[in-house]
Each structure stands twice: as structure tokens, then as C-alpha cells.
Amino acid sequence: MNVAAGIKDRVVTAYNLEADRLDAHDLAAWLAWVHDEFRYEVPIPVTRDDPRAPQHSSTGFLAVETKDSVALWVSRLSPALVDAAYAENPPVRTRHFVTNVQVAKEQDHLNVTSNVLLTWGKWNEEMRFLSAQRQDVLLDDGRELTLLRRRALLDTNVIRLSHFRVII
């Protein structure tokens, strides 16, 4: 079922705030936005001859995260521990560009698809780019939106990031 413009505007606003938080490395604020039962998946892209066949694995994943596993990551980036987080020191510079937001309302949640372009770089390294379609499930209690699930479908099977510890 299509949704009213007001709901879509709220989703776009939430995604803009999410991108700001992720790009500012404010993972603690981002984590406050996700549901306690949050699940994040990045399935392995597969190359198929038939373009109508599934382009992503249904059983293999590049990343599977929960709110608890992301919370461990956030704690590792605390001021007391960040010096030992070698992959994050110096921090990666990211920029999330979210477009093509489509919202469908179900009885108790919103199914949202969007496209994202992620730029990723470290100090003097060449900037890297990654694009994906995101398939999200958001809960809407009428006051705020909460991210319950995210599935990021990468557009390439060659990932040129030094490490893949990033929320798409």
C-alpha cells in the first residue's frame, strides 16, 4: 500500500539524520535509533548469467549484525579504547547519499527501499565508492521511527574497501 506524503517525508528526514550521524561517526546516537531486535545483513553478491535470477546469496553474508554486536563496536571506539582500534585510527571518512526512497505501509511497520552511494576514504588514500539498494523495515509508533531491519544489496561483487566495518 502506498503511503501519504507526510509519512514519506518523515522517513526521508530520518534517513537524512541517520546519514549525518553515520558520517559524523556518532554511532552511539545512531544506535539509539535502532530497535532492540535490530538485524543488519549484507548478502554476498553473485554473478549470474540470467539477469532475472537472484543477484545475491540467500545463505552467505559479508556482514550480519545485531544491536548488541554494533554496541560492542561502539564501545571499542570509546575514548578509552579507540587507540587500539587500528582499522579506525585514523578514522575513515564516509559520506552517505540516500536517494529513491520508496515507502509501503504494512499493518504494523513500513517497508522502505532506497538507494545509497557511500564514499569511503582514509587520509591520503584514493576515495572509494560503494552503491547498494537498502531494504529496511521501520516501526512507526506515531511519534518516532525505529529501524528494525536493514538488508543492503551491493551493486558489485568486488569491494575495494580496506575494511568492511561500515553501516551502509
N, C-alpha and C. Protein backbone atom coordinates (compact mmCIF):
# COMPACT_ATOMS: atom_id res chain seq x y z
N MET A 1 0.84 -1.17 0.00
CA MET A 1 0.00 0.00 0.00
C MET A 1 0.89 1.24 0.00
N ASN A 2 0.61 2.19 -0.88
CA ASN A 2 1.38 3.43 -0.91
C ASN A 2 1.03 4.27 0.30
N VAL A 3 1.92 5.18 0.64
CA VAL A 3 1.72 5.97 1.85
C VAL A 3 1.54 7.44 1.51
N ALA A 4 1.00 8.15 2.48
CA ALA A 4 0.82 9.59 2.32
C ALA A 4 2.18 10.28 2.31
N ALA A 5 2.21 11.45 1.70
CA ALA A 5 3.47 12.20 1.59
C ALA A 5 4.07 12.51 2.96
N GLY A 6 3.24 12.70 3.97
CA GLY A 6 3.73 13.02 5.31
C GLY A 6 4.58 11.91 5.89
N ILE A 7 4.18 10.67 5.68
CA ILE A 7 4.97 9.55 6.19
C ILE A 7 6.29 9.45 5.43
N LYS A 8 6.22 9.60 4.12
CA LYS A 8 7.46 9.54 3.33
C LYS A 8 8.40 10.67 3.74
N ASP A 9 7.88 11.86 3.99
CA ASP A 9 8.71 12.97 4.45
C ASP A 9 9.40 12.64 5.77
N ARG A 10 8.68 12.00 6.68
CA ARG A 10 9.27 11.60 7.97
C ARG A 10 10.39 10.59 7.75
N VAL A 11 10.20 9.65 6.82
CA VAL A 11 11.23 8.65 6.53
C VAL A 11 12.46 9.33 5.94
N VAL A 12 12.26 10.21 4.97
CA VAL A 12 13.39 10.92 4.35
C VAL A 12 14.14 11.74 5.40
N THR A 13 13.41 12.41 6.28
CA THR A 13 14.04 13.18 7.36
C THR A 13 14.85 12.27 8.27
N ALA A 14 14.30 11.10 8.62
CA ALA A 14 15.02 10.14 9.46
C ALA A 14 16.28 9.64 8.76
N TYR A 15 16.20 9.39 7.47
CA TYR A 15 17.37 8.93 6.71
C TYR A 15 18.44 10.01 6.61
N ASN A 16 18.02 11.26 6.46
CA ASN A 16 18.99 12.36 6.43
C ASN A 16 19.72 12.48 7.76
N LEU A 17 18.98 12.36 8.85
CA LEU A 17 19.59 12.41 10.19
C LEU A 17 20.51 11.20 10.39
N GLU A 18 20.08 10.03 9.92
CA GLU A 18 20.91 8.83 10.02
C GLU A 18 22.23 9.03 9.29
N ALA A 19 22.18 9.54 8.06
CA ALA A 19 23.40 9.77 7.28
C ALA A 19 24.32 10.75 8.00
N ASP A 20 23.75 11.81 8.57
CA ASP A 20 24.56 12.78 9.32
C ASP A 20 25.26 12.10 10.49
N ARG A 21 24.54 11.28 11.22
CA ARG A 21 25.13 10.59 12.38
C ARG A 21 26.22 9.61 11.97
N LEU A 22 25.96 8.82 10.94
CA LEU A 22 26.96 7.86 10.49
C LEU A 22 28.21 8.56 9.97
N ASP A 23 28.03 9.62 9.20
CA ASP A 23 29.18 10.33 8.63
C ASP A 23 29.96 11.12 9.68
N ALA A 24 29.30 11.48 10.78
CA ALA A 24 29.98 12.18 11.88
C ALA A 24 30.57 11.19 12.89
N HIS A 25 30.48 9.90 12.60
CA HIS A 25 30.98 8.85 13.49
C HIS A 25 30.27 8.87 14.85
N ASP A 26 29.02 9.31 14.85
CA ASP A 26 28.23 9.32 16.07
C ASP A 26 27.39 8.04 16.12
N LEU A 27 28.09 6.92 16.23
CA LEU A 27 27.40 5.63 16.21
C LEU A 27 26.52 5.42 17.44
N ALA A 28 26.87 6.04 18.56
CA ALA A 28 26.03 5.91 19.75
C ALA A 28 24.65 6.53 19.50
N ALA A 29 24.61 7.69 18.86
CA ALA A 29 23.32 8.32 18.54
C ALA A 29 22.58 7.50 17.50
N TRP A 30 23.31 6.96 16.52
CA TRP A 30 22.68 6.11 15.50
C TRP A 30 22.09 4.87 16.17
N LEU A 31 22.83 4.27 17.09
CA LEU A 31 22.39 3.06 17.76
C LEU A 31 21.12 3.29 18.58
N ALA A 32 20.95 4.49 19.09
CA ALA A 32 19.73 4.81 19.85
C ALA A 32 18.49 4.79 18.96
N TRP A 33 18.70 4.91 17.64
CA TRP A 33 17.59 4.92 16.67
C TRP A 33 17.13 3.52 16.30
N VAL A 34 17.97 2.51 16.53
CA VAL A 34 17.62 1.17 16.08
C VAL A 34 16.88 0.41 17.19
N HIS A 35 16.03 -0.49 16.77
CA HIS A 35 15.22 -1.31 17.66
C HIS A 35 16.10 -2.33 18.38
N ASP A 36 15.67 -2.77 19.54
CA ASP A 36 16.43 -3.77 20.31
C ASP A 36 16.62 -5.08 19.54
N GLU A 37 15.69 -5.40 18.64
CA GLU A 37 15.78 -6.63 17.85
C GLU A 37 16.34 -6.37 16.45
N PHE A 38 17.08 -5.30 16.29
CA PHE A 38 17.66 -4.91 15.01
C PHE A 38 18.52 -6.02 14.41
N ARG A 39 18.41 -6.17 13.09
CA ARG A 39 19.25 -7.10 12.33
C ARG A 39 19.68 -6.40 11.05
N TYR A 40 20.98 -6.49 10.77
CA TYR A 40 21.60 -5.86 9.60
C TYR A 40 22.29 -6.96 8.81
N GLU A 41 21.98 -7.04 7.52
CA GLU A 41 22.56 -8.07 6.65
C GLU A 41 23.08 -7.45 5.36
N VAL A 42 24.25 -7.94 4.95
CA VAL A 42 24.78 -7.61 3.63
C VAL A 42 25.07 -8.95 2.96
N PRO A 43 24.13 -9.46 2.14
CA PRO A 43 24.35 -10.74 1.48
C PRO A 43 25.44 -10.65 0.41
N ILE A 44 26.09 -11.76 0.16
CA ILE A 44 27.14 -11.82 -0.85
C ILE A 44 26.53 -11.65 -2.24
N PRO A 45 27.03 -10.70 -3.02
CA PRO A 45 26.57 -10.57 -4.41
C PRO A 45 27.09 -11.76 -5.23
N VAL A 46 26.28 -12.24 -6.14
CA VAL A 46 26.70 -13.35 -7.01
C VAL A 46 26.47 -12.94 -8.46
N THR A 47 27.32 -13.46 -9.33
CA THR A 47 27.21 -13.15 -10.75
C THR A 47 26.44 -14.28 -11.43
N ARG A 48 25.36 -13.94 -12.06
CA ARG A 48 24.53 -14.92 -12.75
C ARG A 48 24.38 -14.51 -14.21
N ASP A 49 24.26 -15.50 -15.06
CA ASP A 49 24.04 -15.21 -16.48
C ASP A 49 22.64 -14.68 -16.74
N ASP A 50 21.69 -15.15 -15.96
CA ASP A 50 20.30 -14.73 -16.13
C ASP A 50 20.03 -13.50 -15.26
N PRO A 51 19.76 -12.34 -15.86
CA PRO A 51 19.54 -11.13 -15.06
C PRO A 51 18.28 -11.19 -14.20
N ARG A 52 17.39 -12.13 -14.47
CA ARG A 52 16.17 -12.27 -13.66
C ARG A 52 16.39 -13.14 -12.44
N ALA A 53 17.51 -13.87 -12.40
CA ALA A 53 17.83 -14.72 -11.25
C ALA A 53 18.29 -13.84 -10.09
N PRO A 54 18.14 -14.32 -8.85
CA PRO A 54 18.61 -13.54 -7.70
C PRO A 54 20.09 -13.18 -7.84
N GLN A 55 20.41 -11.95 -7.55
CA GLN A 55 21.78 -11.45 -7.70
C GLN A 55 22.55 -11.42 -6.39
N HIS A 56 21.94 -11.97 -5.33
CA HIS A 56 22.57 -12.00 -4.01
C HIS A 56 22.27 -13.35 -3.36
N SER A 57 23.23 -13.84 -2.60
CA SER A 57 23.08 -15.12 -1.93
C SER A 57 21.97 -15.05 -0.88
N SER A 58 21.27 -16.14 -0.71
CA SER A 58 20.26 -16.21 0.34
C SER A 58 20.82 -16.81 1.62
N THR A 59 22.05 -17.34 1.56
CA THR A 59 22.63 -18.01 2.72
C THR A 59 24.01 -17.48 3.13
N GLY A 60 24.72 -16.78 2.24
CA GLY A 60 26.04 -16.25 2.56
C GLY A 60 26.01 -14.75 2.74
N PHE A 61 26.76 -14.27 3.73
CA PHE A 61 26.71 -12.85 4.06
C PHE A 61 28.10 -12.27 4.26
N LEU A 62 28.29 -11.04 3.81
CA LEU A 62 29.51 -10.29 4.10
C LEU A 62 29.45 -9.70 5.49
N ALA A 63 28.24 -9.40 5.95
CA ALA A 63 28.05 -8.83 7.28
C ALA A 63 26.69 -9.24 7.81
N VAL A 64 26.68 -9.59 9.08
CA VAL A 64 25.44 -9.80 9.82
C VAL A 64 25.67 -9.17 11.19
N GLU A 65 24.84 -8.22 11.53
CA GLU A 65 25.00 -7.50 12.80
C GLU A 65 23.66 -7.45 13.53
N THR A 66 23.75 -7.29 14.82
CA THR A 66 22.59 -7.05 15.68
C THR A 66 22.86 -5.77 16.46
N LYS A 67 21.88 -5.32 17.21
CA LYS A 67 22.12 -4.13 18.03
C LYS A 67 23.25 -4.40 19.02
N ASP A 68 23.29 -5.60 19.58
CA ASP A 68 24.34 -5.93 20.55
C ASP A 68 25.73 -5.94 19.92
N SER A 69 25.85 -6.48 18.71
CA SER A 69 27.18 -6.53 18.08
C SER A 69 27.64 -5.13 17.68
N VAL A 70 26.71 -4.28 17.24
CA VAL A 70 27.08 -2.90 16.92
C VAL A 70 27.44 -2.16 18.21
N ALA A 71 26.76 -2.45 19.30
CA ALA A 71 27.08 -1.82 20.59
C ALA A 71 28.52 -2.15 21.02
N LEU A 72 28.97 -3.38 20.75
CA LEU A 72 30.36 -3.73 21.05
C LEU A 72 31.32 -2.89 20.22
N TRP A 73 30.98 -2.70 18.96
CA TRP A 73 31.78 -1.87 18.07
C TRP A 73 31.83 -0.43 18.60
N VAL A 74 30.68 0.09 19.01
CA VAL A 74 30.62 1.45 19.54
C VAL A 74 31.49 1.56 20.79
N SER A 75 31.43 0.57 21.67
CA SER A 75 32.23 0.63 22.90
C SER A 75 33.72 0.57 22.58
N ARG A 76 34.09 -0.14 21.53
CA ARG A 76 35.51 -0.22 21.13
C ARG A 76 36.02 1.12 20.63
N LEU A 77 35.13 1.96 20.15
CA LEU A 77 35.52 3.27 19.65
C LEU A 77 35.42 4.35 20.73
N SER A 78 35.21 3.94 21.98
CA SER A 78 35.16 4.91 23.08
C SER A 78 36.54 5.54 23.26
N PRO A 79 36.61 6.72 23.85
CA PRO A 79 37.91 7.38 24.04
C PRO A 79 38.95 6.50 24.74
N ALA A 80 38.52 5.65 25.65
CA ALA A 80 39.47 4.80 26.38
C ALA A 80 40.07 3.69 25.52
N LEU A 81 39.36 3.28 24.47
CA LEU A 81 39.80 2.13 23.69
C LEU A 81 40.16 2.44 22.24
N VAL A 82 39.85 3.63 21.76
CA VAL A 82 39.98 3.92 20.34
C VAL A 82 41.43 3.79 19.84
N ASP A 83 42.41 4.03 20.70
CA ASP A 83 43.80 3.91 20.25
C ASP A 83 44.15 2.49 19.81
N ALA A 84 43.44 1.49 20.32
CA ALA A 84 43.68 0.10 19.94
C ALA A 84 42.84 -0.33 18.75
N ALA A 85 41.96 0.52 18.28
CA ALA A 85 41.11 0.20 17.13
C ALA A 85 41.85 0.63 15.86
N TYR A 86 42.83 -0.16 15.46
CA TYR A 86 43.75 0.23 14.39
C TYR A 86 43.04 0.50 13.06
N ALA A 87 42.02 -0.25 12.74
CA ALA A 87 41.31 -0.03 11.47
C ALA A 87 40.58 1.30 11.47
N GLU A 88 40.29 1.83 12.64
CA GLU A 88 39.54 3.09 12.75
C GLU A 88 40.43 4.26 13.14
N ASN A 89 41.74 4.07 13.11
CA ASN A 89 42.65 5.09 13.58
C ASN A 89 43.75 5.32 12.55
N PRO A 90 43.73 6.34 11.73
CA PRO A 90 42.79 7.46 11.76
C PRO A 90 41.42 7.02 11.24
N PRO A 91 40.40 7.77 11.62
CA PRO A 91 39.05 7.37 11.24
C PRO A 91 38.82 7.44 9.73
N VAL A 92 37.96 6.56 9.28
CA VAL A 92 37.54 6.54 7.89
C VAL A 92 36.58 7.71 7.67
N ARG A 93 36.71 8.37 6.55
CA ARG A 93 35.78 9.45 6.19
C ARG A 93 34.72 8.86 5.28
N THR A 94 33.48 8.99 5.67
CA THR A 94 32.38 8.47 4.85
C THR A 94 31.40 9.59 4.54
N ARG A 95 30.65 9.36 3.49
CA ARG A 95 29.55 10.23 3.13
C ARG A 95 28.47 9.33 2.54
N HIS A 96 27.26 9.39 3.10
CA HIS A 96 26.13 8.61 2.63
C HIS A 96 25.20 9.50 1.81
N PHE A 97 24.92 9.09 0.59
CA PHE A 97 23.95 9.78 -0.27
C PHE A 97 22.78 8.83 -0.46
N VAL A 98 21.63 9.19 0.07
CA VAL A 98 20.46 8.32 0.04
C VAL A 98 19.43 8.92 -0.92
N THR A 99 18.98 8.08 -1.87
CA THR A 99 18.03 8.56 -2.89
C THR A 99 16.94 7.51 -3.13
N ASN A 100 16.00 7.88 -3.97
CA ASN A 100 14.97 6.95 -4.45
C ASN A 100 14.23 6.25 -3.31
N VAL A 101 13.88 6.98 -2.30
CA VAL A 101 13.19 6.40 -1.14
C VAL A 101 11.75 6.06 -1.52
N GLN A 102 11.40 4.81 -1.34
CA GLN A 102 10.04 4.33 -1.61
C GLN A 102 9.50 3.69 -0.34
N VAL A 103 8.29 4.06 0.06
CA VAL A 103 7.73 3.60 1.32
C VAL A 103 6.41 2.89 1.07
N ALA A 104 6.26 1.71 1.65
CA ALA A 104 5.00 0.98 1.62
C ALA A 104 4.60 0.68 3.05
N LYS A 105 3.36 1.01 3.40
CA LYS A 105 2.88 0.80 4.77
C LYS A 105 2.22 -0.56 4.88
N GLU A 106 2.67 -1.32 5.86
CA GLU A 106 2.01 -2.57 6.23
C GLU A 106 1.24 -2.28 7.52
N GLN A 107 0.62 -3.28 8.10
CA GLN A 107 -0.20 -3.03 9.28
C GLN A 107 0.59 -2.43 10.44
N ASP A 108 1.73 -3.02 10.76
CA ASP A 108 2.46 -2.57 11.95
C ASP A 108 3.87 -2.06 11.65
N HIS A 109 4.20 -1.85 10.37
CA HIS A 109 5.54 -1.39 10.02
C HIS A 109 5.55 -0.75 8.63
N LEU A 110 6.68 -0.17 8.29
CA LEU A 110 6.90 0.41 6.97
C LEU A 110 7.99 -0.39 6.27
N ASN A 111 7.74 -0.78 5.03
CA ASN A 111 8.77 -1.38 4.19
C ASN A 111 9.34 -0.26 3.34
N VAL A 112 10.63 -0.04 3.45
CA VAL A 112 11.26 1.09 2.76
C VAL A 112 12.42 0.58 1.92
N THR A 113 12.44 0.97 0.67
CA THR A 113 13.62 0.72 -0.17
C THR A 113 14.23 2.07 -0.51
N SER A 114 15.54 2.07 -0.62
CA SER A 114 16.26 3.28 -1.01
C SER A 114 17.56 2.85 -1.67
N ASN A 115 18.13 3.79 -2.40
CA ASN A 115 19.44 3.58 -2.98
C ASN A 115 20.43 4.41 -2.19
N VAL A 116 21.63 3.88 -2.02
CA VAL A 116 22.65 4.61 -1.27
C VAL A 116 23.96 4.55 -2.03
N LEU A 117 24.63 5.68 -2.06
CA LEU A 117 26.00 5.76 -2.56
C LEU A 117 26.85 6.13 -1.37
N LEU A 118 27.84 5.31 -1.09
CA LEU A 118 28.73 5.53 0.05
C LEU A 118 30.11 5.88 -0.48
N THR A 119 30.63 7.01 -0.02
CA THR A 119 32.03 7.31 -0.29
C THR A 119 32.81 6.95 0.95
N TRP A 120 34.02 6.44 0.76
CA TRP A 120 34.82 5.89 1.85
C TRP A 120 36.27 6.23 1.59
N GLY A 121 36.93 6.84 2.55
CA GLY A 121 38.33 7.16 2.34
C GLY A 121 39.07 7.40 3.63
N LYS A 122 40.36 7.18 3.56
CA LYS A 122 41.26 7.47 4.67
C LYS A 122 42.28 8.47 4.19
N TRP A 123 42.58 9.39 5.00
CA TRP A 123 43.51 10.49 4.80
C TRP A 123 44.05 10.61 3.38
N ASN A 124 45.12 9.90 3.06
CA ASN A 124 45.75 10.10 1.76
C ASN A 124 45.45 8.98 0.77
N GLU A 125 44.50 8.13 1.09
CA GLU A 125 44.10 7.07 0.16
C GLU A 125 43.12 7.61 -0.86
N GLU A 126 43.07 6.94 -1.98
CA GLU A 126 42.09 7.28 -3.01
C GLU A 126 40.68 7.02 -2.47
N MET A 127 39.75 7.93 -2.78
CA MET A 127 38.37 7.77 -2.34
C MET A 127 37.75 6.55 -3.02
N ARG A 128 37.02 5.75 -2.25
CA ARG A 128 36.35 4.56 -2.77
C ARG A 128 34.85 4.82 -2.77
N PHE A 129 34.15 4.11 -3.66
CA PHE A 129 32.71 4.29 -3.79
C PHE A 129 32.03 2.92 -3.71
N LEU A 130 30.88 2.89 -3.10
CA LEU A 130 30.10 1.67 -2.99
C LEU A 130 28.64 2.05 -3.12
N SER A 131 27.91 1.36 -3.99
CA SER A 131 26.48 1.65 -4.13
C SER A 131 25.69 0.39 -3.79
N ALA A 132 24.49 0.61 -3.31
CA ALA A 132 23.64 -0.51 -2.89
C ALA A 132 22.19 -0.08 -2.86
N GLN A 133 21.33 -1.08 -2.86
CA GLN A 133 19.92 -0.85 -2.55
C GLN A 133 19.73 -1.29 -1.11
N ARG A 134 19.04 -0.48 -0.34
CA ARG A 134 18.73 -0.86 1.04
C ARG A 134 17.27 -1.25 1.12
N GLN A 135 17.01 -2.33 1.83
CA GLN A 135 15.65 -2.78 2.10
C GLN A 135 15.47 -2.75 3.61
N ASP A 136 14.71 -1.79 4.08
CA ASP A 136 14.55 -1.58 5.52
C ASP A 136 13.13 -1.89 5.98
N VAL A 137 13.03 -2.23 7.24
CA VAL A 137 11.75 -2.32 7.93
C VAL A 137 11.84 -1.32 9.08
N LEU A 138 10.92 -0.35 9.06
CA LEU A 138 10.86 0.67 10.10
C LEU A 138 9.57 0.49 10.89
N LEU A 139 9.69 0.67 12.18
CA LEU A 139 8.50 0.68 13.04
C LEU A 139 8.11 2.13 13.27
N ASP A 140 6.81 2.41 13.26
CA ASP A 140 6.30 3.77 13.42
C ASP A 140 5.26 3.76 14.52
N ASP A 141 5.60 4.36 15.66
CA ASP A 141 4.64 4.42 16.76
C ASP A 141 3.82 5.71 16.74
N GLY A 142 3.94 6.46 15.65
CA GLY A 142 3.21 7.72 15.53
C GLY A 142 4.02 8.92 15.98
N ARG A 143 5.01 8.69 16.84
CA ARG A 143 5.87 9.76 17.31
C ARG A 143 7.25 9.70 16.66
N GLU A 144 7.79 8.46 16.58
CA GLU A 144 9.12 8.31 16.01
C GLU A 144 9.22 7.02 15.21
N LEU A 145 10.21 7.01 14.33
CA LEU A 145 10.51 5.82 13.54
C LEU A 145 11.69 5.09 14.17
N THR A 146 11.66 3.78 14.10
CA THR A 146 12.73 2.95 14.64
C THR A 146 13.13 1.94 13.57
N LEU A 147 14.44 1.77 13.37
CA LEU A 147 14.94 0.83 12.38
C LEU A 147 14.99 -0.57 12.97
N LEU A 148 14.19 -1.47 12.40
CA LEU A 148 14.13 -2.85 12.87
C LEU A 148 15.05 -3.76 12.07
N ARG A 149 15.03 -3.63 10.75
CA ARG A 149 15.86 -4.49 9.89
C ARG A 149 16.42 -3.69 8.72
N ARG A 150 17.63 -4.08 8.32
CA ARG A 150 18.22 -3.50 7.11
C ARG A 150 18.94 -4.61 6.36
N ARG A 151 18.67 -4.66 5.08
CA ARG A 151 19.34 -5.58 4.16
C ARG A 151 19.93 -4.70 3.06
N ALA A 152 21.25 -4.72 2.92
CA ALA A 152 21.93 -3.89 1.92
C ALA A 152 22.40 -4.79 0.78
N LEU A 153 21.87 -4.55 -0.40
CA LEU A 153 22.19 -5.34 -1.59
C LEU A 153 23.21 -4.57 -2.43
N LEU A 154 24.46 -5.00 -2.36
CA LEU A 154 25.54 -4.31 -3.06
C LEU A 154 25.39 -4.46 -4.56
N ASP A 155 25.85 -3.45 -5.28
CA ASP A 155 25.78 -3.46 -6.75
C ASP A 155 27.02 -4.06 -7.39
N THR A 156 27.97 -4.50 -6.62
CA THR A 156 29.19 -5.10 -7.15
C THR A 156 29.62 -6.27 -6.29
N ASN A 157 30.34 -7.20 -6.89
CA ASN A 157 30.87 -8.29 -6.08
C ASN A 157 32.36 -8.09 -5.79
N VAL A 158 32.89 -6.93 -6.16
CA VAL A 158 34.27 -6.58 -5.84
C VAL A 158 34.22 -5.36 -4.91
N ILE A 159 34.62 -5.56 -3.67
CA ILE A 159 34.57 -4.50 -2.67
C ILE A 159 35.99 -4.01 -2.43
N ARG A 160 36.22 -2.76 -2.69
CA ARG A 160 37.57 -2.21 -2.62
C ARG A 160 37.80 -1.35 -1.38
N LEU A 161 37.17 -1.73 -0.28
CA LEU A 161 37.40 -1.03 0.97
C LEU A 161 38.47 -1.78 1.78
N SER A 162 39.31 -1.05 2.48
CA SER A 162 40.36 -1.70 3.29
C SER A 162 39.76 -2.58 4.37
N HIS A 163 38.65 -2.17 4.91
CA HIS A 163 37.89 -2.99 5.85
C HIS A 163 36.41 -2.69 5.65
N PHE A 164 35.58 -3.62 6.08
CA PHE A 164 34.16 -3.53 5.77
C PHE A 164 33.32 -3.23 7.01
N ARG A 165 33.92 -2.61 8.01
CA ARG A 165 33.19 -2.28 9.23
C ARG A 165 32.52 -0.93 9.04
N VAL A 166 31.40 -0.95 8.31
CA VAL A 166 30.68 0.27 7.99
C VAL A 166 29.19 -0.08 7.87
N ILE A 167 28.36 0.84 8.29
CA ILE A 167 26.91 0.68 8.10
C ILE A 167 26.55 1.35 6.79
N ILE A 168 25.94 0.60 5.89
CA ILE A 168 25.55 1.14 4.59
C ILE A 168 24.17 1.78 4.71
